[in-house]
C-alpha atoms as a PDB file:
ATOM      1  CA  UNK A   1      -0.329  -0.065  -0.026  1.00  0.00           C
ATOM      2  CA  UNK A   2       1.678   3.325  -0.826  1.00  0.00           C
ATOM      3  CA  UNK A   3       0.616   7.039  -1.006  1.00  0.00           C
ATOM      4  CA  UNK A   4      -0.120   9.784   1.396  1.00  0.00           C
ATOM      5  CA  UNK A   5      -3.095   7.901   3.125  1.00  0.00           C
ATOM      6  CA  UNK A   6      -0.997   5.046   4.119  1.00  0.00           C
ATOM      7  CA  UNK A   7      -0.015   5.008   7.792  1.00  0.00           C
ATOM      8  CA  UNK A   8       3.249   6.557   8.149  1.00  0.00           C
ATOM      9  CA  UNK A   9       6.225   5.103   7.705  1.00  0.00           C
ATOM     10  CA  UNK A  10       8.461   8.255   8.657  1.00  0.00           C
ATOM     11  CA  UNK A  11       6.525  10.814  10.879  1.00  0.00           C
ATOM     12  CA  UNK A  12       8.080  13.990  12.092  1.00  0.00           C
ATOM     13  CA  UNK A  13       5.941  16.431  14.637  1.00  0.00           C
ATOM     14  CA  UNK A  14       7.041  20.159  14.852  1.00  0.00           C
ATOM     15  CA  UNK A  15      10.716  19.070  15.374  1.00  0.00           C
ATOM     16  CA  UNK A  16      13.608  21.430  16.134  1.00  0.00           C
ATOM     17  CA  UNK A  17      16.993  20.424  15.917  1.00  0.00           C
ATOM     18  CA  UNK A  18      20.617  21.872  16.035  1.00  0.00           C
ATOM     19  CA  UNK A  19      24.006  20.890  15.976  1.00  0.00           C
ATOM     20  CA  UNK A  20      26.274  20.376  19.295  1.00  0.00           C
ATOM     21  CA  UNK A  21      27.362  24.371  19.894  1.00  0.00           C
ATOM     22  CA  UNK A  22      25.404  25.927  17.304  1.00  0.00           C
ATOM     23  CA  UNK A  23      23.558  29.057  18.469  1.00  0.00           C
ATOM     24  CA  UNK A  24      20.540  28.664  16.556  1.00  0.00           C
ATOM     25  CA  UNK A  25      18.274  25.623  15.295  1.00  0.00           C
ATOM     26  CA  UNK A  26      18.617  24.127  11.895  1.00  0.00           C
ATOM     27  CA  UNK A  27      15.509  22.572  11.367  1.00  0.00           C
ATOM     28  CA  UNK A  28      12.487  24.558  12.581  1.00  0.00           C
ATOM     29  CA  UNK A  29       9.159  23.118  13.260  1.00  0.00           C
ATOM     30  CA  UNK A  30       8.762  20.811  10.739  1.00  0.00           C
ATOM     31  CA  UNK A  31       6.222  18.269  10.382  1.00  0.00           C
ATOM     32  CA  UNK A  32       6.411  15.662   7.690  1.00  0.00           C
ATOM     33  CA  UNK A  33       4.639  12.351   7.251  1.00  0.00           C
ATOM     34  CA  UNK A  34       5.808   9.676   4.566  1.00  0.00           C
ATOM     35  CA  UNK A  35       4.245   6.749   3.743  1.00  0.00           C
ATOM     36  CA  UNK A  36       5.219   3.154   2.593  1.00  0.00           C
ATOM     37  CA  UNK A  37       6.618   3.395  -1.408  1.00  0.00           C
ATOM     38  CA  UNK A  38       6.737   6.948  -1.524  1.00  0.00           C
ATOM     39  CA  UNK A  39       9.000   8.536  -3.592  1.00  0.00           C
ATOM     40  CA  UNK A  40      10.322  12.084  -2.142  1.00  0.00           C
ATOM     41  CA  UNK A  41      12.329  14.825  -3.394  1.00  0.00           C
ATOM     42  CA  UNK A  42      13.934  16.931  -0.985  1.00  0.00           C
ATOM     43  CA  UNK A  43      15.050  20.439  -2.779  1.00  0.00           C
ATOM     44  CA  UNK A  44      15.990  23.788  -2.117  1.00  0.00           C
ATOM     45  CA  UNK A  45      19.038  26.164  -1.648  1.00  0.00           C
ATOM     46  CA  UNK A  46      22.563  25.468  -0.075  1.00  0.00           C
ATOM     47  CA  UNK A  47      22.253  25.561   3.613  1.00  0.00           C
ATOM     48  CA  UNK A  48      18.456  25.371   3.725  1.00  0.00           C
ATOM     49  CA  UNK A  49      18.671  21.951   5.968  1.00  0.00           C
ATOM     50  CA  UNK A  50      18.237  19.396   3.664  1.00  0.00           C
ATOM     51  CA  UNK A  51      20.956  17.191   4.774  1.00  0.00           C
ATOM     52  CA  UNK A  52      20.050  17.969   8.200  1.00  0.00           C
ATOM     53  CA  UNK A  53      16.452  16.557   7.645  1.00  0.00           C
ATOM     54  CA  UNK A  54      17.850  13.492   6.791  1.00  0.00           C
ATOM     55  CA  UNK A  55      19.848  13.149   9.790  1.00  0.00           C
ATOM     56  CA  UNK A  56      17.619  13.846  12.065  1.00  0.00           C
ATOM     57  CA  UNK A  57      15.103  10.884  10.289  1.00  0.00           C
ATOM     58  CA  UNK A  58      18.575   8.755  11.284  1.00  0.00           C
ATOM     59  CA  UNK A  59      18.565   9.915  14.748  1.00  0.00           C
ATOM     60  CA  UNK A  60      22.092  11.359  14.323  1.00  0.00           C
ATOM     61  CA  UNK A  61      20.927  14.754  15.590  1.00  0.00           C
ATOM     62  CA  UNK A  62      19.389  15.290  19.108  1.00  0.00           C
ATOM     63  CA  UNK A  63      15.830  16.794  18.983  1.00  0.00           C
ATOM     64  CA  UNK A  64      15.540  20.407  20.706  1.00  0.00           C
ATOM     65  CA  UNK A  65      11.813  20.027  20.266  1.00  0.00           C
ATOM     66  CA  UNK A  66       9.287  17.456  18.680  1.00  0.00           C
ATOM     67  CA  UNK A  67       9.177  13.889  17.846  1.00  0.00           C
ATOM     68  CA  UNK A  68      10.392  11.473  15.166  1.00  0.00           C
ATOM     69  CA  UNK A  69       8.890   8.076  14.551  1.00  0.00           C
ATOM     70  CA  UNK A  70      10.303   5.546  11.982  1.00  0.00           C
ATOM     71  CA  UNK A  71       8.551   2.684  10.947  1.00  0.00           C
ATOM     72  CA  UNK A  72       7.158   2.703  14.757  1.00  0.00           C
ATOM     73  CA  UNK A  73       9.977   3.180  16.480  1.00  0.00           C
ATOM     74  CA  UNK A  74      10.672   6.614  18.519  1.00  0.00           C
ATOM     75  CA  UNK A  75      13.729   8.672  18.396  1.00  0.00           C
ATOM     76  CA  UNK A  76      15.726   8.773  20.600  1.00  0.00           C
ATOM     77  CA  UNK A  77      14.320   5.870  22.673  1.00  0.00           C
ATOM     78  CA  UNK A  78      15.045   3.427  20.232  1.00  0.00           C
ATOM     79  CA  UNK A  79      17.903   4.768  18.169  1.00  0.00           C
ATOM     80  CA  UNK A  80      20.100   2.150  17.577  1.00  0.00           C
ATOM     81  CA  UNK A  81      16.821  -0.190  15.896  1.00  0.00           C
ATOM     82  CA  UNK A  82      16.668   3.008  13.392  1.00  0.00           C
ATOM     83  CA  UNK A  83      20.225   3.076  12.400  1.00  0.00           C
ATOM     84  CA  UNK A  84      19.941  -0.780  11.957  1.00  0.00           C
ATOM     85  CA  UNK A  85      16.915  -0.323   9.657  1.00  0.00           C
ATOM     86  CA  UNK A  86      17.434   2.873   7.789  1.00  0.00           C
ATOM     87  CA  UNK A  87      19.561   2.893   4.822  1.00  0.00           C
ATOM     88  CA  UNK A  88      21.275   6.187   4.598  1.00  0.00           C
ATOM     89  CA  UNK A  89      23.800   7.298   1.314  1.00  0.00           C
ATOM     90  CA  UNK A  90      25.886  10.101   2.816  1.00  0.00           C
ATOM     91  CA  UNK A  91      26.789  13.099   0.242  1.00  0.00           C
ATOM     92  CA  UNK A  92      30.328  13.630   1.203  1.00  0.00           C
ATOM     93  CA  UNK A  93      32.820  10.667   1.012  1.00  0.00           C
ATOM     94  CA  UNK A  94      36.216   9.844   0.869  1.00  0.00           C
ATOM     95  CA  UNK A  95      38.357   7.012   0.342  1.00  0.00           C
ATOM     96  CA  UNK A  96      42.058   6.993   0.824  1.00  0.00           C
ATOM     97  CA  UNK A  97      43.886   5.016  -2.076  1.00  0.00           C
ATOM     98  CA  UNK A  98      45.303   2.635   0.441  1.00  0.00           C
ATOM     99  CA  UNK A  99      41.732   1.888   2.219  1.00  0.00           C
ATOM    100  CA  UNK A 100      42.315  -1.693   3.139  1.00  0.00           C
ATOM    101  CA  UNK A 101      38.863  -2.956   2.184  1.00  0.00           C
ATOM    102  CA  UNK A 102      37.237  -4.152  -0.870  1.00  0.00           C
ATOM    103  CA  UNK A 103      34.477  -3.560  -2.288  1.00  0.00           C
ATOM    104  CA  UNK A 104      32.877  -6.566  -1.066  1.00  0.00           C
ATOM    105  CA  UNK A 105      33.935  -5.468   2.512  1.00  0.00           C
ATOM    106  CA  UNK A 106      32.341  -2.527   2.132  1.00  0.00           C
ATOM    107  CA  UNK A 107      28.694  -3.841   1.218  1.00  0.00           C
ATOM    108  CA  UNK A 108      29.065  -6.885   3.162  1.00  0.00           C
ATOM    109  CA  UNK A 109      29.376  -4.092   6.382  1.00  0.00           C
ATOM    110  CA  UNK A 110      25.723  -2.735   5.360  1.00  0.00           C
ATOM    111  CA  UNK A 111      24.593  -6.497   7.192  1.00  0.00           C
ATOM    112  CA  UNK A 112      26.168  -5.834  10.431  1.00  0.00           C
ATOM    113  CA  UNK A 113      23.263  -4.315  12.081  1.00  0.00           C
ATOM    114  CA  UNK A 114      21.161  -7.108  10.717  1.00  0.00           C
ATOM    115  CA  UNK A 115      23.659  -9.768  12.106  1.00  0.00           C
ATOM    116  CA  UNK A 116      24.127  -8.438  15.609  1.00  0.00           C
ATOM    117  CA  UNK A 117      26.948  -8.496  18.102  1.00  0.00           C
ATOM    118  CA  UNK A 118      27.348 -11.694  18.864  1.00  0.00           C
ATOM    119  CA  UNK A 119      26.457 -13.987  15.548  1.00  0.00           C
ATOM    120  CA  UNK A 120      28.746 -14.571  12.387  1.00  0.00           C
ATOM    121  CA  UNK A 121      27.838 -13.614   8.896  1.00  0.00           C
ATOM    122  CA  UNK A 122      25.597 -16.404   7.764  1.00  0.00           C
ATOM    123  CA  UNK A 123      25.240 -17.385   3.825  1.00  0.00           C
ATOM    124  CA  UNK A 124      22.251 -15.420   3.847  1.00  0.00           C
ATOM    125  CA  UNK A 125      24.398 -12.267   4.394  1.00  0.00           C
ATOM    126  CA  UNK A 126      26.821 -12.904   1.891  1.00  0.00           C
ATOM    127  CA  UNK A 127      23.642 -13.529  -0.774  1.00  0.00           C
ATOM    128  CA  UNK A 128      22.303 -10.169   0.186  1.00  0.00           C
ATOM    129  CA  UNK A 129      25.760  -8.207  -0.413  1.00  0.00           C
ATOM    130  CA  UNK A 130      25.944 -10.136  -3.849  1.00  0.00           C
ATOM    131  CA  UNK A 131      22.898  -9.396  -4.853  1.00  0.00           C
ATOM    132  CA  UNK A 132      23.249  -5.619  -3.869  1.00  0.00           C
ATOM    133  CA  UNK A 133      26.392  -5.934  -6.163  1.00  0.00           C
ATOM    134  CA  UNK A 134      24.632  -7.291  -9.165  1.00  0.00           C
ATOM    135  CA  UNK A 135      21.680  -4.845  -8.859  1.00  0.00           C
ATOM    136  CA  UNK A 136      24.366  -1.845  -9.233  1.00  0.00           C
ATOM    137  CA  UNK A 137      26.002  -3.822 -11.970  1.00  0.00           C
ATOM    138  CA  UNK A 138      29.673  -3.577 -10.116  1.00  0.00           C
ATOM    139  CA  UNK A 139      29.656  -7.677  -9.015  1.00  0.00           C
ATOM    140  CA  UNK A 140      32.927  -7.375 -11.238  1.00  0.00           C
ATOM    141  CA  UNK A 141      34.725  -4.930  -9.232  1.00  0.00           C
ATOM    142  CA  UNK A 142      34.009  -6.934  -5.629  1.00  0.00           C
ATOM    143  CA  UNK A 143      37.604  -7.695  -5.209  1.00  0.00           C
ATOM    144  CA  UNK A 144      38.839  -4.205  -5.885  1.00  0.00           C
ATOM    145  CA  UNK A 145      40.266  -1.884  -3.118  1.00  0.00           C
ATOM    146  CA  UNK A 146      37.536   0.513  -2.607  1.00  0.00           C
ATOM    147  CA  UNK A 147      39.813   3.680  -2.389  1.00  0.00           C
ATOM    148  CA  UNK A 148      40.968   2.331  -6.190  1.00  0.00           C
ATOM    149  CA  UNK A 149      37.667   3.166  -7.436  1.00  0.00           C
ATOM    150  CA  UNK A 150      36.526   6.465  -9.688  1.00  0.00           C
ATOM    151  CA  UNK A 151      34.096   8.537  -7.665  1.00  0.00           C
ATOM    152  CA  UNK A 152      31.207   6.961  -9.562  1.00  0.00           C
ATOM    153  CA  UNK A 153      31.517   3.455  -8.564  1.00  0.00           C
ATOM    154  CA  UNK A 154      32.534   4.620  -4.864  1.00  0.00           C
ATOM    155  CA  UNK A 155      28.934   6.115  -4.913  1.00  0.00           C
ATOM    156  CA  UNK A 156      27.539   2.851  -6.339  1.00  0.00           C
ATOM    157  CA  UNK A 157      29.359   0.719  -3.713  1.00  0.00           C
ATOM    158  CA  UNK A 158      27.936   3.041  -0.944  1.00  0.00           C
ATOM    159  CA  UNK A 159      24.283   2.668  -2.203  1.00  0.00           C
ATOM    160  CA  UNK A 160      24.997  -1.221  -2.640  1.00  0.00           C
ATOM    161  CA  UNK A 161      26.217  -1.130   0.877  1.00  0.00           C
ATOM    162  CA  UNK A 162      22.806   0.301   2.082  1.00  0.00           C
ATOM    163  CA  UNK A 163      20.824  -1.908  -0.210  1.00  0.00           C
ATOM    164  CA  UNK A 164      22.346  -5.074   1.339  1.00  0.00           C
ATOM    165  CA  UNK A 165      20.992  -4.005   4.610  1.00  0.00           C
ATOM    166  CA  UNK A 166      17.369  -4.574   3.355  1.00  0.00           C
ATOM    167  CA  UNK A 167      16.209  -1.476   4.627  1.00  0.00           C
ATOM    168  CA  UNK A 168      12.750  -0.355   5.789  1.00  0.00           C
ATOM    169  CA  UNK A 169      13.432   3.357   4.422  1.00  0.00           C
ATOM    170  CA  UNK A 170      15.800   4.442   2.272  1.00  0.00           C
ATOM    171  CA  UNK A 171      17.635   7.969   2.505  1.00  0.00           C
ATOM    172  CA  UNK A 172      19.998   9.432  -0.025  1.00  0.00           C
ATOM    173  CA  UNK A 173      21.989  12.604  -0.129  1.00  0.00           C
ATOM    174  CA  UNK A 174      22.577  13.562  -3.731  1.00  0.00           C
ATOM    175  CA  UNK A 175      23.181   9.927  -4.957  1.00  0.00           C
ATOM    176  CA  UNK A 176      23.342  11.369  -8.673  1.00  0.00           C
ATOM    177  CA  UNK A 177      26.435  13.600  -8.034  1.00  0.00           C
ATOM    178  CA  UNK A 178      28.758  11.579  -9.212  1.00  0.00           C
ATOM    179  CA  UNK A 179      27.196   9.511 -11.660  1.00  0.00           C
ATOM    180  CA  UNK A 180      27.175   9.928 -15.860  1.00  0.00           C
ATOM    181  CA  UNK A 181      23.549  10.207 -17.090  1.00  0.00           C
ATOM    182  CA  UNK A 182      23.130   6.678 -18.056  1.00  0.00           C
ATOM    183  CA  UNK A 183      24.331   5.670 -14.636  1.00  0.00           C
ATOM    184  CA  UNK A 184      21.699   8.015 -13.098  1.00  0.00           C
ATOM    185  CA  UNK A 185      19.059   6.369 -14.991  1.00  0.00           C
ATOM    186  CA  UNK A 186      20.088   2.985 -13.965  1.00  0.00           C
ATOM    187  CA  UNK A 187      19.980   3.956 -10.346  1.00  0.00           C
ATOM    188  CA  UNK A 188      16.898   6.010 -10.841  1.00  0.00           C
ATOM    189  CA  UNK A 189      15.158   3.107 -12.345  1.00  0.00           C
ATOM    190  CA  UNK A 190      16.317   1.080  -9.246  1.00  0.00           C
ATOM    191  CA  UNK A 191      15.184   3.287  -6.742  1.00  0.00           C
ATOM    192  CA  UNK A 192      11.987   2.994  -8.336  1.00  0.00           C
ATOM    193  CA  UNK A 193      11.615  -0.397  -7.609  1.00  0.00           C
ATOM    194  CA  UNK A 194      12.510  -0.023  -4.648  1.00  0.00           C
ATOM    195  CA  UNK A 195       9.698   1.893  -3.934  1.00  0.00           C
ATOM    196  CA  UNK A 196       7.204  -0.197  -5.576  1.00  0.00           C
ATOM    197  CA  UNK A 197       8.150  -2.910  -2.892  1.00  0.00           C
ATOM    198  CA  UNK A 198       6.792  -0.714  -0.419  1.00  0.00           C
ATOM    199  CA  UNK A 199      10.294   0.902   0.855  1.00  0.00           C
ATOM    200  CA  UNK A 200       9.929   5.059   0.872  1.00  0.00           C
ATOM    201  CA  UNK A 201      12.950   6.786  -0.887  1.00  0.00           C
ATOM    202  CA  UNK A 202      13.690  10.301   0.245  1.00  0.00           C
ATOM    203  CA  UNK A 203      16.475  11.610  -2.076  1.00  0.00           C
ATOM    204  CA  UNK A 204      18.199  15.132  -1.144  1.00  0.00           C
ATOM    205  CA  UNK A 205      19.208  16.294  -4.926  1.00  0.00           C
ATOM    206  CA  UNK A 206      19.889  19.158  -7.240  1.00  0.00           C
ATOM    207  CA  UNK A 207      19.349  16.960 -10.269  1.00  0.00           C
ATOM    208  CA  UNK A 208      16.317  16.256 -11.838  1.00  0.00           C
ATOM    209  CA  UNK A 209      16.885  15.242 -15.178  1.00  0.00           C
ATOM    210  CA  UNK A 210      17.108  11.240 -14.059  1.00  0.00           C
ATOM    211  CA  UNK A 211      14.209  10.862 -11.650  1.00  0.00           C
ATOM    212  CA  UNK A 212      11.678   7.706 -12.239  1.00  0.00           C
ATOM    213  CA  UNK A 213       8.215   8.644 -14.283  1.00  0.00           C
ATOM    214  CA  UNK A 214       6.029   8.386 -11.408  1.00  0.00           C
ATOM    215  CA  UNK A 215       4.137  10.092  -8.773  1.00  0.00           C
ATOM    216  CA  UNK A 216       6.702  12.636  -6.579  1.00  0.00           C
ATOM    217  CA  UNK A 217       6.415  13.843  -3.437  1.00  0.00           C
ATOM    218  CA  UNK A 218       8.296  17.302  -3.417  1.00  0.00           C
ATOM    219  CA  UNK A 219       9.519  18.827  -0.401  1.00  0.00           C
ATOM    220  CA  UNK A 220      11.353  22.165  -0.482  1.00  0.00           C
ATOM    221  CA  UNK A 221      13.303  23.402   2.819  1.00  0.00           C
ATOM    222  CA  UNK A 222      14.069  27.083   3.075  1.00  0.00           C
ATOM    223  CA  UNK A 223      15.994  28.764   6.234  1.00  0.00           C
ATOM    224  CA  UNK A 224      15.433  25.336   8.197  1.00  0.00           C
ATOM    225  CA  UNK A 225      11.614  25.463   7.592  1.00  0.00           C
ATOM    226  CA  UNK A 226       9.172  23.196   4.999  1.00  0.00           C
ATOM    227  CA  UNK A 227       7.940  25.713   2.566  1.00  0.00           C
ATOM    228  CA  UNK A 228       6.192  23.434   0.272  1.00  0.00           C
ATOM    229  CA  UNK A 229       5.190  19.662   0.195  1.00  0.00           C
ATOM    230  CA  UNK A 230       3.008  18.699  -2.625  1.00  0.00           C
ATOM    231  CA  UNK A 231       2.884  15.939  -5.666  1.00  0.00           C
ATOM    232  CA  UNK A 232       4.447  15.799  -9.046  1.00  0.00           C
ATOM    233  CA  UNK A 233       5.660  14.031 -11.700  1.00  0.00           C
ATOM    234  CA  UNK A 234       9.280  14.084 -12.737  1.00  0.00           C
ATOM    235  CA  UNK A 235       9.280  16.160 -15.227  1.00  0.00           C
ATOM    236  CA  UNK A 236       7.639  19.190 -13.160  1.00  0.00           C
ATOM    237  CA  UNK A 237       9.998  18.873 -10.087  1.00  0.00           C
ATOM    238  CA  UNK A 238      12.729  21.300 -11.210  1.00  0.00           C
ATOM    239  CA  UNK A 239      10.104  24.262 -11.788  1.00  0.00           C
ATOM    240  CA  UNK A 240       8.243  23.649  -8.603  1.00  0.00           C
ATOM    241  CA  UNK A 241      11.348  23.866  -6.769  1.00  0.00           C
ATOM    242  CA  UNK A 242      12.275  27.094  -8.270  1.00  0.00           C
ATOM    243  CA  UNK A 243       9.263  28.640  -7.833  1.00  0.00           C
ATOM    244  CA  UNK A 244       8.782  27.823  -4.090  1.00  0.00           C
ATOM    245  CA  UNK A 245       8.068  30.431  -1.630  1.00  0.00           C
ATOM    246  CA  UNK A 246      10.807  32.117   0.640  1.00  0.00           C
ATOM    247  CA  UNK A 247      10.814  31.405   4.041  1.00  0.00           C
ATOM    248  CA  UNK A 248      10.336  34.533   6.369  1.00  0.00           C
END
């Protein structure tokens, strides 16, 4: 079951968040409900609070006010469970060329939250990692050191890392930033399939040329506030974000 009439997988109620040592809140009074199977694009200018919104959903930032529930779990009471259940592809990453992990190692790490502290990796875990590699078409790179790959290949490995987790929610921060046009289309199609399986996808992006042809929730942030929350088709997303009202 999908759509905004479904019970929310993500439920933000009047949240205010701040970074440690910051004088002012970064997110200010945001309320947002996201249901299973929704594809959500978060837009807005630099510094609007888009990445901060994703970090809040993951439980990576303390709440000053308000409440967040993800898949029935409340932050901060069940923060660890949420972190194990949510896939989060970060924007800024940098693997040193001599990082001693192969691509397969990095993708297998996505299973650690599912395995638990006192259990060993099973064949199911390895199969999930290999499936994720195949979905991103990088299974031929499985034995390459992660730091020797191109930025686009590393980006695909991080997406595979999160897909191996079999997340209930998938968050992505600028997932197209290091990808060529053809690869963007491939990843976009994959994200669409994930949505169709019932997993909500929430994506911060400035690139709108490869969005899937489906209903898309458009959420626009301005100065830490949510100024627009509507539904559109892929071809209209860029114009909607550009014409969004400016927060006071």
